[in-house]
């Protein structure tokens, strides 16, 4: 990804060897875009990102864009409804037309992005959803399907006492 580009695209031949990659990186280190075609990236504000990171521990590849303290969680595709992420003030990056700068990249809008939980720790697999996401992010509200959490959006000492309630 070059500083004068808006969308990622090939600026040269496809890199097919370690030698080619080393030569390119020597001139343009960390200028890589991650295309979200085989995973989704949930971009959250610190209010939810820090808590979710604590609950997920080392089970989810996680990066941080420090300029605005945005937390990026790499999850299985379509595992979290976009409306639930938006309700938390977040953004869902998904599909082959969406992308993010790779950790290690520095941009004017992110500063130097860094891994908090490196994908090597998860064997390069995105997170497969469990309960922690439902505990942290506000529930997706559909008419008659869910009510707000019992904690009015706050976590109690016992996370299990702060679960969404289903209306009858």
C-alpha atoms as a PDB file:
ATOM      1  CA  UNK A   1       0.000   0.000   0.000  1.00  0.00           C
ATOM      2  CA  UNK A   2       1.489   3.338  -0.999  1.00  0.00           C
ATOM      3  CA  UNK A   3       0.755   6.610   0.743  1.00  0.00           C
ATOM      4  CA  UNK A   4      -0.769   8.111  -2.416  1.00  0.00           C
ATOM      5  CA  UNK A   5      -3.166   5.172  -2.991  1.00  0.00           C
ATOM      6  CA  UNK A   6      -6.704   5.002  -1.684  1.00  0.00           C
ATOM      7  CA  UNK A   7      -7.513   1.409  -2.623  1.00  0.00           C
ATOM      8  CA  UNK A   8      -5.093  -1.521  -2.523  1.00  0.00           C
ATOM      9  CA  UNK A   9      -4.027  -2.865  -5.876  1.00  0.00           C
ATOM     10  CA  UNK A  10      -1.080  -4.605  -7.439  1.00  0.00           C
ATOM     11  CA  UNK A  11       1.660  -2.114  -8.238  1.00  0.00           C
ATOM     12  CA  UNK A  12       3.896  -4.715  -9.808  1.00  0.00           C
ATOM     13  CA  UNK A  13       4.120  -8.415 -10.501  1.00  0.00           C
ATOM     14  CA  UNK A  14       2.730 -10.916  -7.991  1.00  0.00           C
ATOM     15  CA  UNK A  15       5.394 -11.874  -5.440  1.00  0.00           C
ATOM     16  CA  UNK A  16       6.012 -15.609  -5.618  1.00  0.00           C
ATOM     17  CA  UNK A  17       9.281 -16.160  -3.747  1.00  0.00           C
ATOM     18  CA  UNK A  18      10.988 -15.220  -0.506  1.00  0.00           C
ATOM     19  CA  UNK A  19      13.788 -13.561  -2.487  1.00  0.00           C
ATOM     20  CA  UNK A  20      11.281 -11.298  -4.295  1.00  0.00           C
ATOM     21  CA  UNK A  21       9.549 -10.429  -1.014  1.00  0.00           C
ATOM     22  CA  UNK A  22      12.860  -9.575   0.686  1.00  0.00           C
ATOM     23  CA  UNK A  23      13.834  -7.299  -2.212  1.00  0.00           C
ATOM     24  CA  UNK A  24      10.496  -5.457  -2.126  1.00  0.00           C
ATOM     25  CA  UNK A  25      10.433  -5.155   1.669  1.00  0.00           C
ATOM     26  CA  UNK A  26      13.975  -3.760   1.677  1.00  0.00           C
ATOM     27  CA  UNK A  27      12.645  -0.798  -0.319  1.00  0.00           C
ATOM     28  CA  UNK A  28       9.073  -0.574   1.081  1.00  0.00           C
ATOM     29  CA  UNK A  29       8.889  -2.243   4.532  1.00  0.00           C
ATOM     30  CA  UNK A  30       5.449  -2.994   5.952  1.00  0.00           C
ATOM     31  CA  UNK A  31       3.498  -1.598   3.015  1.00  0.00           C
ATOM     32  CA  UNK A  32       0.957  -4.397   2.935  1.00  0.00           C
ATOM     33  CA  UNK A  33      -2.839  -4.432   2.880  1.00  0.00           C
ATOM     34  CA  UNK A  34      -4.804  -7.303   4.397  1.00  0.00           C
ATOM     35  CA  UNK A  35      -7.809  -8.210   2.243  1.00  0.00           C
ATOM     36  CA  UNK A  36     -10.699  -9.492   4.361  1.00  0.00           C
ATOM     37  CA  UNK A  37     -11.855 -12.276   2.078  1.00  0.00           C
ATOM     38  CA  UNK A  38     -11.119 -15.242   4.386  1.00  0.00           C
ATOM     39  CA  UNK A  39     -11.797 -13.544   7.735  1.00  0.00           C
ATOM     40  CA  UNK A  40     -13.588 -10.498   9.110  1.00  0.00           C
ATOM     41  CA  UNK A  41     -11.961  -7.739  11.135  1.00  0.00           C
ATOM     42  CA  UNK A  42     -13.983  -6.143  13.903  1.00  0.00           C
ATOM     43  CA  UNK A  43     -12.695  -2.603  14.559  1.00  0.00           C
ATOM     44  CA  UNK A  44     -13.799  -1.422  18.013  1.00  0.00           C
ATOM     45  CA  UNK A  45     -13.303   1.676  20.170  1.00  0.00           C
ATOM     46  CA  UNK A  46     -11.338   1.266  23.430  1.00  0.00           C
ATOM     47  CA  UNK A  47     -14.514   1.127  25.533  1.00  0.00           C
ATOM     48  CA  UNK A  48     -15.246  -2.343  24.148  1.00  0.00           C
ATOM     49  CA  UNK A  49     -11.922  -3.361  22.642  1.00  0.00           C
ATOM     50  CA  UNK A  50      -9.932  -3.465  25.879  1.00  0.00           C
ATOM     51  CA  UNK A  51     -12.562  -5.549  27.673  1.00  0.00           C
ATOM     52  CA  UNK A  52     -13.031  -7.924  24.744  1.00  0.00           C
ATOM     53  CA  UNK A  53      -9.266  -8.387  24.455  1.00  0.00           C
ATOM     54  CA  UNK A  54      -9.098  -9.255  28.172  1.00  0.00           C
ATOM     55  CA  UNK A  55     -11.888 -11.827  27.830  1.00  0.00           C
ATOM     56  CA  UNK A  56     -10.561 -13.417  24.636  1.00  0.00           C
ATOM     57  CA  UNK A  57      -6.946 -13.465  25.883  1.00  0.00           C
ATOM     58  CA  UNK A  58      -4.725 -15.217  23.320  1.00  0.00           C
ATOM     59  CA  UNK A  59      -7.543 -16.972  21.423  1.00  0.00           C
ATOM     60  CA  UNK A  60      -8.112 -14.185  18.869  1.00  0.00           C
ATOM     61  CA  UNK A  61      -5.547 -12.495  16.630  1.00  0.00           C
ATOM     62  CA  UNK A  62      -5.733  -8.866  17.749  1.00  0.00           C
ATOM     63  CA  UNK A  63      -4.079  -5.679  16.561  1.00  0.00           C
ATOM     64  CA  UNK A  64      -4.265  -2.062  17.693  1.00  0.00           C
ATOM     65  CA  UNK A  65      -4.238   1.153  15.701  1.00  0.00           C
ATOM     66  CA  UNK A  66      -2.909   3.404  18.479  1.00  0.00           C
ATOM     67  CA  UNK A  67      -3.683   6.887  17.149  1.00  0.00           C
ATOM     68  CA  UNK A  68      -7.363   6.562  18.113  1.00  0.00           C
ATOM     69  CA  UNK A  69      -6.868   3.427  20.252  1.00  0.00           C
ATOM     70  CA  UNK A  70      -8.882   1.230  17.855  1.00  0.00           C
ATOM     71  CA  UNK A  71      -8.812  -2.522  18.522  1.00  0.00           C
ATOM     72  CA  UNK A  72      -8.904  -4.933  15.568  1.00  0.00           C
ATOM     73  CA  UNK A  73     -10.129  -8.491  16.171  1.00  0.00           C
ATOM     74  CA  UNK A  74      -9.637 -11.043  13.375  1.00  0.00           C
ATOM     75  CA  UNK A  75     -12.681 -13.332  13.450  1.00  0.00           C
ATOM     76  CA  UNK A  76     -14.294 -16.034  11.316  1.00  0.00           C
ATOM     77  CA  UNK A  77     -16.328 -14.583   8.409  1.00  0.00           C
ATOM     78  CA  UNK A  78     -19.919 -13.592   9.174  1.00  0.00           C
ATOM     79  CA  UNK A  79     -19.618 -14.628  12.837  1.00  0.00           C
ATOM     80  CA  UNK A  80     -20.788 -11.280  14.265  1.00  0.00           C
ATOM     81  CA  UNK A  81     -23.732  -9.262  12.917  1.00  0.00           C
ATOM     82  CA  UNK A  82     -22.642  -5.896  11.507  1.00  0.00           C
ATOM     83  CA  UNK A  83     -25.470  -4.169  13.419  1.00  0.00           C
ATOM     84  CA  UNK A  84     -24.064  -5.437  16.730  1.00  0.00           C
ATOM     85  CA  UNK A  85     -20.635  -4.037  15.869  1.00  0.00           C
ATOM     86  CA  UNK A  86     -22.123  -0.709  14.735  1.00  0.00           C
ATOM     87  CA  UNK A  87     -24.110  -0.462  17.996  1.00  0.00           C
ATOM     88  CA  UNK A  88     -20.769  -0.571  19.820  1.00  0.00           C
ATOM     89  CA  UNK A  89     -19.361   2.257  17.684  1.00  0.00           C
ATOM     90  CA  UNK A  90     -17.338  -0.202  15.643  1.00  0.00           C
ATOM     91  CA  UNK A  91     -16.817  -1.095  12.017  1.00  0.00           C
ATOM     92  CA  UNK A  92     -16.939  -4.507  10.365  1.00  0.00           C
ATOM     93  CA  UNK A  93     -14.356  -5.096   7.632  1.00  0.00           C
ATOM     94  CA  UNK A  94     -15.532  -8.040   5.560  1.00  0.00           C
ATOM     95  CA  UNK A  95     -15.397  -9.545   2.092  1.00  0.00           C
ATOM     96  CA  UNK A  96     -12.977  -9.447  -0.830  1.00  0.00           C
ATOM     97  CA  UNK A  97     -13.486  -5.718  -1.490  1.00  0.00           C
ATOM     98  CA  UNK A  98     -12.591  -4.557   2.037  1.00  0.00           C
ATOM     99  CA  UNK A  99      -9.115  -4.246   3.531  1.00  0.00           C
ATOM    100  CA  UNK A 100      -6.958  -2.815   6.311  1.00  0.00           C
ATOM    101  CA  UNK A 101      -3.290  -1.903   6.518  1.00  0.00           C
ATOM    102  CA  UNK A 102      -1.303  -4.792   7.989  1.00  0.00           C
ATOM    103  CA  UNK A 103       0.167  -4.485  11.486  1.00  0.00           C
ATOM    104  CA  UNK A 104       3.599  -2.938  11.212  1.00  0.00           C
ATOM    105  CA  UNK A 105       2.227  -0.301   8.833  1.00  0.00           C
ATOM    106  CA  UNK A 106       2.073   3.328   9.908  1.00  0.00           C
ATOM    107  CA  UNK A 107      -0.497   5.682   8.377  1.00  0.00           C
ATOM    108  CA  UNK A 108      -1.613   9.228   9.179  1.00  0.00           C
ATOM    109  CA  UNK A 109      -4.949   7.919  10.478  1.00  0.00           C
ATOM    110  CA  UNK A 110      -3.650   4.974  12.556  1.00  0.00           C
ATOM    111  CA  UNK A 111      -0.004   5.591  13.571  1.00  0.00           C
ATOM    112  CA  UNK A 112       2.073   2.367  13.724  1.00  0.00           C
ATOM    113  CA  UNK A 113      -0.369  -0.551  13.869  1.00  0.00           C
ATOM    114  CA  UNK A 114       0.878  -3.382  16.059  1.00  0.00           C
ATOM    115  CA  UNK A 115      -0.101  -6.912  16.956  1.00  0.00           C
ATOM    116  CA  UNK A 116      -1.319  -7.413  20.525  1.00  0.00           C
ATOM    117  CA  UNK A 117      -2.059 -11.106  19.955  1.00  0.00           C
ATOM    118  CA  UNK A 118       0.053 -12.291  17.040  1.00  0.00           C
ATOM    119  CA  UNK A 119      -1.682 -14.742  14.667  1.00  0.00           C
ATOM    120  CA  UNK A 120       1.139 -17.205  15.255  1.00  0.00           C
ATOM    121  CA  UNK A 121      -0.335 -17.783  18.733  1.00  0.00           C
ATOM    122  CA  UNK A 122      -3.622 -18.918  17.173  1.00  0.00           C
ATOM    123  CA  UNK A 123      -1.934 -20.973  14.447  1.00  0.00           C
ATOM    124  CA  UNK A 124      -2.940 -18.296  11.919  1.00  0.00           C
ATOM    125  CA  UNK A 125      -6.659 -18.990  12.411  1.00  0.00           C
ATOM    126  CA  UNK A 126      -9.261 -16.258  12.981  1.00  0.00           C
ATOM    127  CA  UNK A 127     -11.292 -16.417  16.163  1.00  0.00           C
ATOM    128  CA  UNK A 128     -14.358 -18.650  16.075  1.00  0.00           C
ATOM    129  CA  UNK A 129     -17.073 -16.989  18.079  1.00  0.00           C
ATOM    130  CA  UNK A 130     -17.848 -17.846  21.686  1.00  0.00           C
ATOM    131  CA  UNK A 131     -19.667 -16.011  24.501  1.00  0.00           C
ATOM    132  CA  UNK A 132     -17.183 -13.161  25.169  1.00  0.00           C
ATOM    133  CA  UNK A 133     -18.393 -11.133  22.173  1.00  0.00           C
ATOM    134  CA  UNK A 134     -22.006 -11.285  23.343  1.00  0.00           C
ATOM    135  CA  UNK A 135     -20.946 -10.213  26.848  1.00  0.00           C
ATOM    136  CA  UNK A 136     -19.053  -7.131  25.675  1.00  0.00           C
ATOM    137  CA  UNK A 137     -20.860  -5.746  22.622  1.00  0.00           C
ATOM    138  CA  UNK A 138     -24.387  -4.361  22.908  1.00  0.00           C
ATOM    139  CA  UNK A 139     -26.939  -6.848  21.591  1.00  0.00           C
ATOM    140  CA  UNK A 140     -28.404  -6.291  18.150  1.00  0.00           C
ATOM    141  CA  UNK A 141     -31.874  -4.933  18.892  1.00  0.00           C
ATOM    142  CA  UNK A 142     -34.678  -6.225  16.696  1.00  0.00           C
ATOM    143  CA  UNK A 143     -38.281  -5.463  17.458  1.00  0.00           C
ATOM    144  CA  UNK A 144     -39.442  -8.106  19.932  1.00  0.00           C
ATOM    145  CA  UNK A 145     -36.290 -10.224  19.790  1.00  0.00           C
ATOM    146  CA  UNK A 146     -33.883  -8.854  22.415  1.00  0.00           C
ATOM    147  CA  UNK A 147     -33.884  -6.351  25.235  1.00  0.00           C
ATOM    148  CA  UNK A 148     -30.841  -4.457  26.527  1.00  0.00           C
ATOM    149  CA  UNK A 149     -28.524  -6.241  28.959  1.00  0.00           C
ATOM    150  CA  UNK A 150     -29.463  -6.544  32.609  1.00  0.00           C
ATOM    151  CA  UNK A 151     -26.494  -4.294  33.415  1.00  0.00           C
ATOM    152  CA  UNK A 152     -27.623  -1.321  31.284  1.00  0.00           C
ATOM    153  CA  UNK A 153     -24.444  -1.601  29.226  1.00  0.00           C
ATOM    154  CA  UNK A 154     -22.040  -1.979  32.174  1.00  0.00           C
ATOM    155  CA  UNK A 155     -20.183  -5.107  33.156  1.00  0.00           C
ATOM    156  CA  UNK A 156     -20.603  -6.384  36.695  1.00  0.00           C
ATOM    157  CA  UNK A 157     -17.970  -8.304  38.623  1.00  0.00           C
ATOM    158  CA  UNK A 158     -19.654 -11.482  37.471  1.00  0.00           C
ATOM    159  CA  UNK A 159     -19.831 -11.457  33.672  1.00  0.00           C
ATOM    160  CA  UNK A 160     -22.490 -14.165  33.777  1.00  0.00           C
ATOM    161  CA  UNK A 161     -24.912 -11.763  35.518  1.00  0.00           C
ATOM    162  CA  UNK A 162     -24.717  -9.365  32.566  1.00  0.00           C
ATOM    163  CA  UNK A 163     -26.280 -11.397  29.762  1.00  0.00           C
ATOM    164  CA  UNK A 164     -28.865 -10.172  27.253  1.00  0.00           C
ATOM    165  CA  UNK A 165     -32.419 -11.131  28.077  1.00  0.00           C
ATOM    166  CA  UNK A 166     -34.735 -12.562  25.450  1.00  0.00           C
ATOM    167  CA  UNK A 167     -38.260 -11.177  25.396  1.00  0.00           C
ATOM    168  CA  UNK A 168     -41.209 -13.488  25.242  1.00  0.00           C
END
